[in-house]
N, C-alpha and C. Protein backbone atom coordinates (compact mmCIF):
# COMPACT_ATOMS: atom_id res chain seq x y z
N MET A 1 -30.91 87.83 -63.81
CA MET A 1 -31.73 87.05 -62.90
C MET A 1 -32.88 87.95 -62.43
N SER A 2 -34.08 87.45 -62.56
CA SER A 2 -35.21 88.27 -62.13
C SER A 2 -35.28 88.32 -60.60
N GLU A 3 -36.10 89.23 -60.13
CA GLU A 3 -36.18 89.45 -58.69
C GLU A 3 -36.70 88.22 -57.94
N SER A 4 -37.68 87.51 -58.52
CA SER A 4 -38.23 86.34 -57.82
C SER A 4 -37.19 85.22 -57.72
N TYR A 5 -36.37 85.04 -58.77
CA TYR A 5 -35.32 84.03 -58.70
C TYR A 5 -34.27 84.39 -57.66
N ALA A 6 -33.98 85.66 -57.54
CA ALA A 6 -33.02 86.11 -56.53
C ALA A 6 -33.54 85.83 -55.12
N ILE A 7 -34.83 86.02 -54.93
CA ILE A 7 -35.42 85.74 -53.61
C ILE A 7 -35.32 84.26 -53.30
N TYR A 8 -35.70 83.41 -54.27
CA TYR A 8 -35.63 81.96 -54.05
C TYR A 8 -34.19 81.50 -53.83
N ALA A 9 -33.25 82.07 -54.57
CA ALA A 9 -31.84 81.71 -54.40
C ALA A 9 -31.35 82.12 -53.02
N THR A 10 -31.79 83.28 -52.54
CA THR A 10 -31.40 83.74 -51.21
C THR A 10 -31.95 82.82 -50.12
N ILE A 11 -33.22 82.44 -50.24
CA ILE A 11 -33.82 81.54 -49.26
C ILE A 11 -33.12 80.19 -49.27
N LEU A 12 -32.85 79.66 -50.45
CA LEU A 12 -32.15 78.38 -50.56
C LEU A 12 -30.75 78.48 -49.97
N GLY A 13 -30.04 79.58 -50.25
CA GLY A 13 -28.70 79.77 -49.69
C GLY A 13 -28.72 79.83 -48.17
N MET A 14 -29.70 80.55 -47.61
CA MET A 14 -29.80 80.63 -46.15
C MET A 14 -30.11 79.26 -45.54
N ALA A 15 -30.97 78.49 -46.21
CA ALA A 15 -31.29 77.16 -45.71
C ALA A 15 -30.06 76.26 -45.73
N LEU A 16 -29.28 76.34 -46.79
CA LEU A 16 -28.07 75.52 -46.88
C LEU A 16 -27.05 75.91 -45.83
N VAL A 17 -26.86 77.20 -45.60
CA VAL A 17 -25.90 77.65 -44.58
C VAL A 17 -26.37 77.21 -43.19
N THR A 18 -27.67 77.32 -42.93
CA THR A 18 -28.20 76.89 -41.64
C THR A 18 -27.98 75.39 -41.43
N ALA A 19 -28.31 74.59 -42.45
CA ALA A 19 -28.10 73.14 -42.34
C ALA A 19 -26.63 72.81 -42.16
N LEU A 20 -25.77 73.48 -42.89
CA LEU A 20 -24.33 73.23 -42.79
C LEU A 20 -23.81 73.53 -41.38
N THR A 21 -24.25 74.64 -40.79
CA THR A 21 -23.77 74.96 -39.45
C THR A 21 -24.30 73.96 -38.43
N ARG A 22 -25.54 73.52 -38.59
CA ARG A 22 -26.07 72.52 -37.65
C ARG A 22 -25.30 71.19 -37.75
N PHE A 23 -25.16 70.71 -38.96
CA PHE A 23 -24.48 69.42 -39.13
C PHE A 23 -23.02 69.49 -38.73
N THR A 24 -22.37 70.61 -39.00
CA THR A 24 -20.98 70.79 -38.58
C THR A 24 -20.89 70.80 -37.06
N GLY A 25 -21.82 71.48 -36.40
CA GLY A 25 -21.83 71.51 -34.94
C GLY A 25 -22.03 70.12 -34.34
N TYR A 26 -22.96 69.35 -34.90
CA TYR A 26 -23.17 67.98 -34.42
C TYR A 26 -21.93 67.13 -34.64
N TRP A 27 -21.27 67.31 -35.77
CA TRP A 27 -20.07 66.54 -36.07
C TRP A 27 -18.96 66.89 -35.09
N ILE A 28 -18.77 68.18 -34.82
CA ILE A 28 -17.71 68.59 -33.90
C ILE A 28 -18.00 68.11 -32.48
N ILE A 29 -19.25 68.25 -32.02
CA ILE A 29 -19.62 67.80 -30.68
C ILE A 29 -19.42 66.29 -30.54
N GLY A 30 -19.65 65.55 -31.63
CA GLY A 30 -19.45 64.10 -31.60
C GLY A 30 -17.99 63.70 -31.43
N LYS A 31 -17.08 64.59 -31.77
CA LYS A 31 -15.65 64.30 -31.69
C LYS A 31 -15.02 64.72 -30.37
N VAL A 32 -15.76 65.47 -29.54
CA VAL A 32 -15.21 66.05 -28.32
C VAL A 32 -15.90 65.44 -27.10
N ALA A 33 -15.12 65.12 -26.09
CA ALA A 33 -15.68 64.64 -24.82
C ALA A 33 -16.15 65.85 -24.02
N ILE A 34 -17.43 65.85 -23.65
CA ILE A 34 -18.00 66.98 -22.93
C ILE A 34 -18.23 66.57 -21.48
N LYS A 35 -17.65 67.34 -20.57
CA LYS A 35 -17.75 67.03 -19.15
C LYS A 35 -17.97 68.30 -18.34
N GLY A 36 -18.39 68.13 -17.12
CA GLY A 36 -18.45 69.23 -16.16
C GLY A 36 -19.46 70.30 -16.48
N ARG A 37 -19.01 71.54 -16.37
CA ARG A 37 -19.89 72.69 -16.53
C ARG A 37 -20.43 72.82 -17.94
N VAL A 38 -19.64 72.46 -18.93
CA VAL A 38 -20.09 72.55 -20.32
C VAL A 38 -21.25 71.58 -20.55
N ALA A 39 -21.14 70.38 -20.02
CA ALA A 39 -22.22 69.40 -20.15
C ALA A 39 -23.49 69.89 -19.46
N ALA A 40 -23.34 70.47 -18.29
CA ALA A 40 -24.50 71.00 -17.57
C ALA A 40 -25.15 72.14 -18.35
N ALA A 41 -24.35 73.00 -18.95
CA ALA A 41 -24.89 74.11 -19.74
C ALA A 41 -25.65 73.60 -20.95
N LEU A 42 -25.10 72.61 -21.63
CA LEU A 42 -25.78 72.05 -22.80
C LEU A 42 -27.07 71.34 -22.42
N GLU A 43 -27.12 70.72 -21.26
CA GLU A 43 -28.34 70.06 -20.81
C GLU A 43 -29.41 71.07 -20.43
N ALA A 44 -29.02 72.24 -19.96
CA ALA A 44 -29.98 73.27 -19.56
C ALA A 44 -30.47 74.11 -20.73
N MET A 45 -29.83 74.01 -21.86
CA MET A 45 -30.15 74.88 -22.98
C MET A 45 -31.60 74.78 -23.47
N PRO A 46 -32.22 73.61 -23.62
CA PRO A 46 -33.62 73.59 -24.09
C PRO A 46 -34.56 74.39 -23.20
N ALA A 47 -34.39 74.32 -21.90
CA ALA A 47 -35.25 75.09 -20.99
C ALA A 47 -35.00 76.59 -21.15
N ALA A 48 -33.75 76.97 -21.36
CA ALA A 48 -33.43 78.39 -21.54
C ALA A 48 -34.03 78.93 -22.84
N VAL A 49 -33.98 78.14 -23.88
CA VAL A 49 -34.55 78.56 -25.16
C VAL A 49 -36.07 78.68 -25.03
N LEU A 50 -36.70 77.72 -24.37
CA LEU A 50 -38.15 77.78 -24.17
C LEU A 50 -38.53 79.02 -23.36
N ALA A 51 -37.78 79.33 -22.32
CA ALA A 51 -38.06 80.52 -21.52
C ALA A 51 -37.91 81.79 -22.34
N ALA A 52 -36.91 81.85 -23.20
CA ALA A 52 -36.70 83.03 -24.04
C ALA A 52 -37.82 83.21 -25.05
N ILE A 53 -38.45 82.13 -25.46
CA ILE A 53 -39.55 82.21 -26.42
C ILE A 53 -40.85 82.61 -25.74
N VAL A 54 -41.15 82.04 -24.58
CA VAL A 54 -42.46 82.25 -23.97
C VAL A 54 -42.55 83.47 -23.06
N THR A 55 -41.46 83.97 -22.53
CA THR A 55 -41.53 85.10 -21.61
C THR A 55 -42.12 86.36 -22.23
N PRO A 56 -41.72 86.76 -23.43
CA PRO A 56 -42.37 87.94 -24.02
C PRO A 56 -43.87 87.74 -24.22
N THR A 57 -44.27 86.54 -24.55
CA THR A 57 -45.70 86.25 -24.72
C THR A 57 -46.44 86.41 -23.40
N ALA A 58 -45.85 85.94 -22.33
CA ALA A 58 -46.51 86.02 -21.02
C ALA A 58 -46.67 87.45 -20.57
N LEU A 59 -45.76 88.33 -20.95
CA LEU A 59 -45.78 89.69 -20.45
C LEU A 59 -46.52 90.68 -21.35
N ALA A 60 -46.80 90.32 -22.59
CA ALA A 60 -47.32 91.32 -23.52
C ALA A 60 -48.63 90.95 -24.20
N THR A 61 -49.32 89.90 -23.75
CA THR A 61 -50.53 89.47 -24.46
C THR A 61 -51.70 89.33 -23.51
N GLY A 62 -52.75 88.66 -23.98
CA GLY A 62 -53.99 88.55 -23.22
C GLY A 62 -54.05 87.37 -22.28
N PHE A 63 -55.26 87.15 -21.76
CA PHE A 63 -55.51 86.11 -20.76
C PHE A 63 -55.16 84.72 -21.27
N ALA A 64 -55.64 84.37 -22.46
CA ALA A 64 -55.41 83.02 -23.00
C ALA A 64 -53.93 82.72 -23.14
N GLU A 65 -53.18 83.68 -23.63
CA GLU A 65 -51.75 83.47 -23.82
C GLU A 65 -51.00 83.37 -22.50
N THR A 66 -51.41 84.17 -21.52
CA THR A 66 -50.76 84.12 -20.21
C THR A 66 -51.00 82.78 -19.52
N VAL A 67 -52.23 82.27 -19.59
CA VAL A 67 -52.54 80.96 -19.02
C VAL A 67 -51.77 79.88 -19.77
N ALA A 68 -51.69 79.99 -21.09
CA ALA A 68 -50.95 79.00 -21.88
C ALA A 68 -49.47 78.98 -21.52
N VAL A 69 -48.90 80.14 -21.23
CA VAL A 69 -47.49 80.19 -20.81
C VAL A 69 -47.33 79.47 -19.47
N ALA A 70 -48.26 79.69 -18.54
CA ALA A 70 -48.18 79.00 -17.25
C ALA A 70 -48.27 77.49 -17.44
N VAL A 71 -49.18 77.05 -18.30
CA VAL A 71 -49.30 75.61 -18.58
C VAL A 71 -48.02 75.08 -19.20
N THR A 72 -47.44 75.84 -20.12
CA THR A 72 -46.19 75.42 -20.77
C THR A 72 -45.07 75.27 -19.75
N VAL A 73 -44.96 76.22 -18.84
CA VAL A 73 -43.90 76.15 -17.82
C VAL A 73 -44.11 74.93 -16.93
N LEU A 74 -45.33 74.71 -16.48
CA LEU A 74 -45.60 73.54 -15.62
C LEU A 74 -45.32 72.23 -16.34
N LEU A 75 -45.71 72.14 -17.60
CA LEU A 75 -45.42 70.93 -18.36
C LEU A 75 -43.92 70.77 -18.60
N ALA A 76 -43.22 71.88 -18.82
CA ALA A 76 -41.78 71.80 -19.07
C ALA A 76 -41.02 71.28 -17.85
N LEU A 77 -41.57 71.52 -16.67
CA LEU A 77 -40.91 71.01 -15.46
C LEU A 77 -41.05 69.50 -15.32
N ARG A 78 -42.06 68.92 -15.98
CA ARG A 78 -42.34 67.49 -15.80
C ARG A 78 -42.17 66.65 -17.06
N CYS A 79 -42.24 67.28 -18.25
CA CYS A 79 -42.30 66.52 -19.50
C CYS A 79 -41.22 66.99 -20.47
N HIS A 80 -41.21 66.33 -21.61
CA HIS A 80 -40.32 66.70 -22.71
C HIS A 80 -40.73 68.07 -23.25
N THR A 81 -39.79 68.82 -23.80
CA THR A 81 -40.04 70.17 -24.29
C THR A 81 -41.13 70.20 -25.35
N LEU A 82 -41.14 69.23 -26.25
CA LEU A 82 -42.15 69.19 -27.30
C LEU A 82 -43.55 69.04 -26.72
N ILE A 83 -43.70 68.22 -25.69
CA ILE A 83 -44.99 68.05 -25.03
C ILE A 83 -45.41 69.36 -24.36
N ALA A 84 -44.47 70.04 -23.74
CA ALA A 84 -44.76 71.32 -23.09
C ALA A 84 -45.25 72.36 -24.09
N VAL A 85 -44.57 72.47 -25.22
CA VAL A 85 -44.97 73.42 -26.24
C VAL A 85 -46.34 73.05 -26.80
N GLY A 86 -46.56 71.78 -27.07
CA GLY A 86 -47.86 71.32 -27.57
C GLY A 86 -48.98 71.61 -26.58
N GLY A 87 -48.73 71.39 -25.31
CA GLY A 87 -49.73 71.69 -24.29
C GLY A 87 -50.06 73.16 -24.23
N GLY A 88 -49.06 74.01 -24.37
CA GLY A 88 -49.29 75.45 -24.39
C GLY A 88 -50.10 75.88 -25.60
N VAL A 89 -49.78 75.32 -26.75
CA VAL A 89 -50.53 75.65 -27.97
C VAL A 89 -51.99 75.20 -27.84
N LEU A 90 -52.19 73.98 -27.36
CA LEU A 90 -53.57 73.50 -27.18
C LEU A 90 -54.33 74.34 -26.17
N THR A 91 -53.67 74.79 -25.13
CA THR A 91 -54.31 75.63 -24.13
C THR A 91 -54.76 76.95 -24.71
N VAL A 92 -53.90 77.61 -25.46
CA VAL A 92 -54.27 78.91 -26.03
C VAL A 92 -55.39 78.74 -27.06
N VAL A 93 -55.36 77.67 -27.83
CA VAL A 93 -56.43 77.43 -28.81
C VAL A 93 -57.75 77.20 -28.09
N ALA A 94 -57.73 76.35 -27.06
CA ALA A 94 -58.96 76.06 -26.32
C ALA A 94 -59.53 77.31 -25.64
N LEU A 95 -58.67 78.12 -25.03
CA LEU A 95 -59.15 79.32 -24.35
C LEU A 95 -59.66 80.37 -25.34
N ARG A 96 -58.99 80.52 -26.46
CA ARG A 96 -59.49 81.45 -27.47
C ARG A 96 -60.84 81.00 -28.02
N PHE A 97 -61.00 79.69 -28.22
CA PHE A 97 -62.27 79.16 -28.70
C PHE A 97 -63.36 79.33 -27.65
N ALA A 98 -63.01 79.10 -26.39
CA ALA A 98 -64.01 79.19 -25.31
C ALA A 98 -64.48 80.62 -25.09
N PHE A 99 -63.59 81.59 -25.27
CA PHE A 99 -63.96 82.98 -25.02
C PHE A 99 -64.25 83.78 -26.29
N ALA A 100 -64.30 83.08 -27.44
CA ALA A 100 -64.61 83.78 -28.69
C ALA A 100 -66.07 84.21 -28.67
N GLY A 101 -66.30 85.42 -29.01
CA GLY A 101 -67.66 85.91 -28.92
C GLY A 101 -68.18 86.26 -30.22
């Protein structure tokens, strides 16, 4: 097997394992009644994931990215996560375009 085929096979294998773990998790969660603290933790997870993604950006980049993180956080408090991420992306694009010299 040549090196390029090995790379493609590895990528395909990783994609299949990722899909399998996701679908298995959804199937298992569908079979179990979730109540109390576990339900609260699962409901809070999207916000925690968003915070883990945007915090390094807010602390280690420039003005446009820092403002975009603030916009993302404000939108996340009021809107769906996808809208918050989209708003942050649009903000950083607009600020980079506005300050491009």
